Amino acid sequence: MQLTKHWATTLDDYAIDLAWSPDGHLLAAASAAGPISLFAATDGARRHELPGHPEGTNCLAWQPASSALLATGGQDGTVKFWDAAAGQHTATAALGAAWVEHLAWSRTILFAAAGRKLTALRADGTVAHTFADANKSITALAAQPAAGCVAAAHFGGVQLWDADDFLIQKTFPYANGIHALVWSPDSKWLVSGNQDPSVHLWIPETDVELHMSGYESKVKHLSYDHASRWLATGGGRDACIWDCAGAGPEGREPAMLPHEAPVCAVAFQNTHSLLASASLDGVVQIWSPERAKPLRATVKMPHAATKLIWSPDDRLLAIGSEKGAVYVLKCES
């Protein structure tokens, strides 16, 4: 396997978030300073420069069914909607004084978290629903792939909200901080990466819970493969791979994919089986978890990655860095 540089560019600050458009034609890159750039996947040409949020941008989210609609959240307490084709701002929703740190689309409704407040927004920026405040600041959001509900985490647990009627479905107590949430693609498993440090799994349909501890540090990075079998986690100097087949990973030994520095990002491909993992020394590695010798490729970047994200067709891997560089690598067998 070969990883070759397809193109590279530089933002004016820390690359805080990256997101491919659903059709794979554009890469949105948010600078922590605020501006948002839209790059052509083919050659890295900057199609549009959006002003973003003047006090800083925190997150990006494309509407799943539309490569024309991009939502962003910022430190100014607003969510902004953008026409990516025209490069124009279309709507703003003001959520209050708290930073908007998490966004998750469920079909055509955008869920946005700012402090303890969770709000459901329509694409025109109008409010569909305002939820009761969480007990603590919301630290992670994840929309169920089957679009049935949205999970919102805070210190003390996770709440599942119905994505259509906005009623509470379930509450899962967890007596610690939660840094990350991910659903398995088949919507069976909901997983949290935790402060304690550990990984916790729920099967919401049956209320089964599993717990894996023993990590070196807090777990902030999670990713599932497309088949819902392999769960990749950070939390140390290894990318840890759990086998979630059957009854799940509890009691099984995970595969440990080593780095020489703490892992800072993990990302499985969308429809294939490769895993990308990055560490704080700038190394990015590509793995095949099902192989006896899983390491497939290694590249060394000048600075640590802030984000790894595969294009929808899995041919390109985008990498954001602490110094504002954005690299797009081509993955070839």
Protein backbone atom coordinates (compact mmCIF):
# COMPACT_ATOMS: atom_id res chain seq x y z
CA MET A 1 0.00 0.00 0.00
CA GLN A 2 1.13 3.56 -0.73
CA LEU A 3 0.13 6.87 0.77
CA THR A 4 1.08 9.74 -1.52
CA LYS A 5 0.54 13.47 -1.10
CA HIS A 6 -2.40 14.56 -3.24
CA TRP A 7 -2.29 18.20 -2.14
CA ALA A 8 -1.58 20.34 0.90
CA THR A 9 -2.51 23.81 2.11
CA THR A 10 -2.23 26.03 5.18
CA LEU A 11 -4.89 27.71 7.33
CA ASP A 12 -4.29 30.83 9.41
CA ASP A 13 -4.50 28.93 12.72
CA TYR A 14 -4.91 25.51 14.34
CA ALA A 15 -7.03 23.20 12.15
CA ILE A 16 -9.83 22.63 14.62
CA ASP A 17 -12.16 20.60 12.39
CA LEU A 18 -12.37 19.00 8.93
CA ALA A 19 -15.39 17.57 7.09
CA TRP A 20 -15.88 16.12 3.60
CA SER A 21 -19.06 17.01 1.75
CA PRO A 22 -21.33 13.97 1.28
CA ASP A 23 -20.51 13.80 -2.44
CA GLY A 24 -16.77 14.00 -1.70
CA HIS A 25 -16.21 17.02 -3.94
CA LEU A 26 -15.33 19.51 -1.19
CA LEU A 27 -13.30 19.47 2.02
CA ALA A 28 -14.35 22.02 4.63
CA ALA A 29 -11.55 23.08 6.97
CA ALA A 30 -12.14 25.29 10.02
CA SER A 31 -9.41 27.43 11.52
CA ALA A 32 -9.61 27.96 15.28
CA ALA A 33 -9.33 31.69 14.52
CA GLY A 34 -12.69 31.56 12.74
CA PRO A 35 -12.41 31.38 8.93
CA ILE A 36 -13.64 28.28 7.08
CA SER A 37 -12.13 27.22 3.77
CA LEU A 38 -13.81 25.02 1.16
CA PHE A 39 -11.27 23.12 -0.95
CA ALA A 40 -11.80 21.12 -4.13
CA ALA A 41 -10.98 17.45 -3.53
CA THR A 42 -9.38 17.10 -6.97
CA ASP A 43 -6.59 19.65 -6.64
CA GLY A 44 -6.96 21.56 -3.37
CA ALA A 45 -8.14 24.75 -5.05
CA ARG A 46 -9.79 27.07 -2.53
CA ARG A 47 -13.34 27.35 -3.83
CA HIS A 48 -14.63 29.63 -1.07
CA GLU A 49 -13.36 31.35 2.05
CA LEU A 50 -16.19 31.75 4.55
CA PRO A 51 -15.80 34.25 7.41
CA GLY A 52 -17.04 31.68 9.92
CA HIS A 53 -17.28 32.94 13.51
CA PRO A 54 -15.35 36.09 14.48
CA GLU A 55 -14.44 34.84 17.96
CA GLY A 56 -13.41 31.40 16.68
CA THR A 57 -15.00 28.39 15.01
CA ASN A 58 -15.32 25.10 16.93
CA CYS A 59 -17.06 22.56 14.69
CA LEU A 60 -18.40 21.71 11.23
CA ALA A 61 -21.22 19.45 10.02
CA TRP A 62 -22.54 18.87 6.49
CA GLN A 63 -26.21 18.01 6.13
CA PRO A 64 -26.09 14.29 5.19
CA ALA A 65 -28.44 14.56 2.21
CA SER A 66 -26.97 17.77 0.80
CA SER A 67 -23.47 18.71 -0.28
CA ALA A 68 -24.65 22.31 -0.54
CA LEU A 69 -25.52 22.90 3.15
CA LEU A 70 -22.82 23.28 5.79
CA ALA A 71 -23.44 24.12 9.45
CA THR A 72 -20.83 25.57 11.79
CA GLY A 73 -20.68 26.28 15.52
CA GLY A 74 -18.59 28.97 17.15
CA GLN A 75 -17.38 30.67 20.29
CA ASP A 76 -19.86 33.48 19.68
CA GLY A 77 -22.70 31.18 20.80
CA THR A 78 -24.18 30.84 17.33
CA VAL A 79 -24.79 28.19 14.70
CA LYS A 80 -24.40 29.42 11.13
CA PHE A 81 -25.65 27.82 7.94
CA TRP A 82 -23.83 28.21 4.62
CA ASP A 83 -24.60 27.57 0.97
CA ALA A 84 -21.38 25.78 0.04
CA ALA A 85 -22.00 25.99 -3.70
CA ALA A 86 -22.36 29.77 -3.63
CA GLY A 87 -20.06 30.35 -0.65
CA GLN A 88 -22.74 32.39 1.08
CA HIS A 89 -24.11 32.64 4.61
CA THR A 90 -27.82 31.72 4.68
CA ALA A 91 -28.94 31.74 8.33
CA THR A 92 -27.82 32.20 11.95
CA ALA A 93 -29.24 30.73 15.15
CA ALA A 94 -28.14 32.37 18.42
CA LEU A 95 -28.02 29.83 21.25
CA GLY A 96 -26.82 32.08 24.08
CA ALA A 97 -23.55 33.01 25.74
CA ALA A 98 -21.95 29.54 25.78
CA TRP A 99 -19.70 28.28 22.99
CA VAL A 100 -21.30 25.95 20.44
CA GLU A 101 -18.97 22.96 20.60
CA HIS A 102 -20.93 20.02 19.18
CA LEU A 103 -23.16 19.54 16.12
CA ALA A 104 -24.97 16.42 14.87
CA TRP A 105 -27.41 16.11 11.97
CA SER A 106 -30.32 13.68 12.12
CA ARG A 107 -31.76 13.77 8.60
CA THR A 108 -32.75 17.45 8.07
CA ILE A 109 -32.64 18.53 11.73
CA LEU A 110 -29.41 19.80 13.28
CA PHE A 111 -28.77 19.20 16.98
CA ALA A 112 -26.44 21.77 18.52
CA ALA A 113 -24.91 21.81 22.02
CA ALA A 114 -23.79 24.98 23.81
CA GLY A 115 -22.93 24.60 27.48
CA ARG A 116 -25.84 22.77 29.14
CA LYS A 117 -28.25 23.65 26.34
CA LEU A 118 -29.27 21.29 23.50
CA THR A 119 -31.25 22.79 20.62
CA ALA A 120 -32.80 21.25 17.50
CA LEU A 121 -32.58 23.55 14.47
CA ARG A 122 -34.08 23.53 11.01
CA ALA A 123 -31.88 24.25 8.02
CA ASP A 124 -33.25 27.79 7.79
CA GLY A 125 -31.94 28.53 11.29
CA THR A 126 -35.32 28.42 13.04
CA VAL A 127 -35.66 26.49 16.29
CA ALA A 128 -37.52 23.18 16.08
CA HIS A 129 -37.13 22.41 19.79
CA THR A 130 -35.26 23.58 22.88
CA PHE A 131 -34.51 20.78 25.34
CA ALA A 132 -34.42 20.98 29.12
CA ASP A 133 -30.92 21.94 30.26
CA ALA A 134 -28.56 19.07 31.03
CA ASN A 135 -27.20 18.77 34.58
CA LYS A 136 -23.71 19.69 33.37
CA SER A 137 -22.19 21.01 30.16
CA ILE A 138 -22.76 18.73 27.18
CA THR A 139 -19.43 17.18 26.20
CA ALA A 140 -20.35 15.02 23.19
CA LEU A 141 -23.18 14.46 20.69
CA ALA A 142 -23.81 11.51 18.38
CA ALA A 143 -26.72 10.92 16.01
CA GLN A 144 -27.81 7.30 15.61
CA PRO A 145 -27.12 6.13 12.03
CA ALA A 146 -30.67 4.75 11.81
CA ALA A 147 -31.82 8.31 12.63
CA GLY A 148 -33.98 7.22 15.55
CA CYS A 149 -32.33 9.29 18.27
CA VAL A 150 -29.49 11.57 19.27
CA ALA A 151 -27.21 10.85 22.24
CA ALA A 152 -25.97 13.74 24.38
CA ALA A 153 -23.30 13.18 27.05
CA HIS A 154 -22.41 15.22 30.11
CA PHE A 155 -20.61 14.54 33.38
CA GLY A 156 -22.87 11.97 35.03
CA GLY A 157 -24.36 10.19 32.04
CA VAL A 158 -25.89 10.07 28.57
CA GLN A 159 -29.38 11.04 27.48
CA LEU A 160 -31.06 9.61 24.38
CA TRP A 161 -33.51 12.00 22.70
CA ASP A 162 -35.96 10.99 20.00
CA ALA A 163 -34.91 12.75 16.81
CA ASP A 164 -38.49 13.22 15.59
CA ASP A 165 -40.68 14.12 18.57
CA PHE A 166 -37.77 15.29 20.82
CA LEU A 167 -38.92 13.23 23.81
CA ILE A 168 -36.45 11.53 26.14
CA GLN A 169 -36.04 7.85 25.27
CA LYS A 170 -33.56 6.71 27.90
CA THR A 171 -31.01 7.97 30.40
CA PHE A 172 -27.81 6.06 31.09
CA PRO A 173 -26.05 7.15 34.30
CA TYR A 174 -22.25 7.21 34.25
CA ALA A 175 -20.44 8.56 37.29
CA ASN A 176 -17.60 10.33 35.52
CA GLY A 177 -16.73 12.66 32.68
CA ILE A 178 -17.37 11.65 29.06
CA HIS A 179 -15.17 13.00 26.26
CA ALA A 180 -16.47 11.21 23.15
CA LEU A 181 -19.49 9.31 21.83
CA VAL A 182 -19.87 7.07 18.79
CA TRP A 183 -22.61 4.77 17.47
CA SER A 184 -21.79 1.58 15.62
CA PRO A 185 -23.00 1.87 11.99
CA ASP A 186 -25.66 -0.78 12.63
CA SER A 187 -27.00 1.36 15.53
CA LYS A 188 -26.60 -1.52 18.00
CA TRP A 189 -23.80 -0.12 20.19
CA LEU A 190 -23.42 3.32 21.76
CA VAL A 191 -19.90 3.88 23.07
CA SER A 192 -18.38 6.55 25.28
CA GLY A 193 -14.71 7.45 25.78
CA ASN A 194 -14.22 8.56 29.36
CA GLN A 195 -12.19 10.65 31.77
CA ASP A 196 -11.67 7.85 34.33
CA PRO A 197 -10.01 6.50 31.85
CA SER A 198 -12.13 3.81 30.21
CA VAL A 199 -14.51 2.89 27.41
CA HIS A 200 -18.15 2.11 28.17
CA LEU A 201 -20.62 0.41 25.81
CA TRP A 202 -24.40 0.30 25.87
CA ILE A 203 -26.89 -1.65 23.78
CA PRO A 204 -29.81 0.79 24.17
CA GLU A 205 -32.37 -1.68 22.81
CA THR A 206 -31.71 -4.19 25.62
CA ASP A 207 -29.99 -1.99 28.26
CA VAL A 208 -26.90 -4.23 28.22
CA GLU A 209 -23.75 -2.41 29.42
CA LEU A 210 -20.08 -3.35 29.05
CA HIS A 211 -17.01 -1.64 30.46
CA MET A 212 -13.32 -1.73 29.49
CA SER A 213 -10.74 0.00 31.65
CA GLY A 214 -6.96 0.01 32.02
CA TYR A 215 -6.15 2.83 29.60
CA GLU A 216 -3.10 5.02 30.16
CA SER A 217 -5.01 8.28 29.82
CA LYS A 218 -8.48 9.70 29.20
CA VAL A 219 -10.15 8.31 26.06
CA LYS A 220 -11.03 11.11 23.62
CA HIS A 221 -10.93 9.28 20.28
CA LEU A 222 -13.29 6.56 19.02
CA SER A 223 -14.11 5.08 15.61
CA TYR A 224 -16.13 2.11 14.33
CA ASP A 225 -15.49 0.21 11.11
CA HIS A 226 -18.26 0.07 8.50
CA ALA A 227 -19.30 -3.47 9.50
CA SER A 228 -19.73 -2.56 13.20
CA ARG A 229 -17.24 -5.24 14.23
CA TRP A 230 -14.09 -3.29 15.10
CA LEU A 231 -14.01 -0.42 17.59
CA ALA A 232 -10.83 1.68 17.59
CA THR A 233 -9.92 3.81 20.60
CA GLY A 234 -7.13 6.12 21.71
CA GLY A 235 -6.16 6.57 25.35
CA GLY A 236 -2.45 5.75 25.26
CA ARG A 237 0.50 4.97 22.99
CA ASP A 238 -1.47 2.28 21.19
CA ALA A 239 -4.51 2.39 18.96
CA CYS A 240 -6.62 -0.21 20.74
CA ILE A 241 -8.95 -2.40 18.62
CA TRP A 242 -11.87 -4.21 20.24
CA ASP A 243 -13.82 -7.01 18.56
CA CYS A 244 -17.53 -6.19 18.97
CA ALA A 245 -18.87 -9.26 17.17
CA GLY A 246 -21.57 -11.30 18.91
CA ALA A 247 -21.96 -10.44 22.59
CA GLY A 248 -19.33 -7.73 22.37
CA PRO A 249 -15.75 -7.07 23.50
CA GLU A 250 -15.96 -7.57 27.26
CA GLY A 251 -13.60 -10.37 28.32
CA ARG A 252 -11.72 -10.35 25.01
CA GLU A 253 -8.15 -9.22 24.55
CA PRO A 254 -7.91 -6.17 22.28
CA ALA A 255 -5.40 -5.80 19.48
CA MET A 256 -2.80 -3.16 20.33
CA LEU A 257 -1.46 -1.15 17.39
CA PRO A 258 1.65 0.63 18.68
CA HIS A 259 2.79 4.22 18.32
CA GLU A 260 5.83 5.80 19.98
CA ALA A 261 3.80 8.75 21.25
CA PRO A 262 0.23 9.12 22.56
CA VAL A 263 -2.48 8.53 19.97
CA CYS A 264 -4.34 11.75 19.08
CA ALA A 265 -6.79 10.57 16.37
CA VAL A 266 -8.31 7.38 14.94
CA ALA A 267 -10.55 6.99 11.86
CA PHE A 268 -11.88 3.92 10.06
CA GLN A 269 -12.77 4.14 6.38
CA ASN A 270 -16.41 4.56 5.43
CA THR A 271 -16.97 1.40 3.39
CA HIS A 272 -13.64 -0.46 3.63
CA SER A 273 -11.65 -1.91 6.51
CA LEU A 274 -8.57 0.30 6.86
CA LEU A 275 -7.91 2.28 10.05
CA ALA A 276 -5.86 5.48 10.18
CA SER A 277 -4.30 6.44 13.51
CA ALA A 278 -2.17 9.45 14.41
CA SER A 279 0.12 10.21 17.33
CA LEU A 280 1.52 13.39 18.87
CA ASP A 281 4.94 12.90 17.22
CA GLY A 282 3.34 13.54 13.81
CA VAL A 283 3.22 9.89 12.72
CA VAL A 284 0.14 8.64 10.83
CA GLN A 285 -0.23 4.89 10.34
CA ILE A 286 -2.64 2.78 8.28
CA TRP A 287 -3.74 -0.62 9.60
CA SER A 288 -5.78 -3.65 8.50
CA PRO A 289 -7.15 -5.00 11.81
CA GLU A 290 -8.15 -8.38 10.33
CA ARG A 291 -4.59 -9.23 9.14
CA ALA A 292 -1.91 -11.08 11.08
CA LYS A 293 0.48 -8.23 10.23
CA PRO A 294 -1.87 -5.27 10.33
CA LEU A 295 0.50 -2.33 9.66
CA ARG A 296 0.13 -1.27 6.03
CA ALA A 297 1.75 2.17 5.74
CA THR A 298 3.42 4.91 7.80
CA VAL A 299 3.91 8.60 7.05
CA LYS A 300 5.57 11.29 9.17
CA MET A 301 4.01 14.73 9.34
CA PRO A 302 5.83 17.87 10.60
CA HIS A 303 3.29 18.36 13.39
CA ALA A 304 0.69 16.38 15.34
CA ALA A 305 -2.68 15.75 13.72
CA THR A 306 -5.83 17.36 15.07
CA LYS A 307 -8.23 15.45 12.83
CA LEU A 308 -8.25 12.44 10.47
CA ILE A 309 -11.12 11.98 8.03
CA TRP A 310 -11.57 9.72 4.99
CA SER A 311 -13.34 10.93 1.88
CA PRO A 312 -16.71 9.23 1.22
CA ASP A 313 -15.13 6.94 -1.41
CA ASP A 314 -12.17 6.14 0.93
CA ARG A 315 -9.61 7.15 -1.70
CA LEU A 316 -8.39 10.25 0.15
CA LEU A 317 -7.34 10.79 3.75
CA ALA A 318 -7.47 14.39 5.04
CA ILE A 319 -5.27 15.37 7.98
CA GLY A 320 -5.47 18.62 9.94
CA SER A 321 -2.55 19.75 12.09
CA GLU A 322 -1.81 21.85 15.14
CA LYS A 323 0.07 24.41 13.03
CA GLY A 324 -2.78 24.88 10.54
CA ALA A 325 -1.47 22.65 7.77
CA VAL A 326 -4.00 20.47 5.95
CA TYR A 327 -2.72 17.44 4.04
CA VAL A 328 -4.76 15.27 1.71
CA LEU A 329 -3.16 11.91 0.99
CA LYS A 330 -4.13 9.45 -1.73
CA CYS A 331 -4.48 5.84 -0.61
CA GLU A 332 -3.45 3.30 -3.26
CA SER A 333 -3.09 -0.47 -2.99
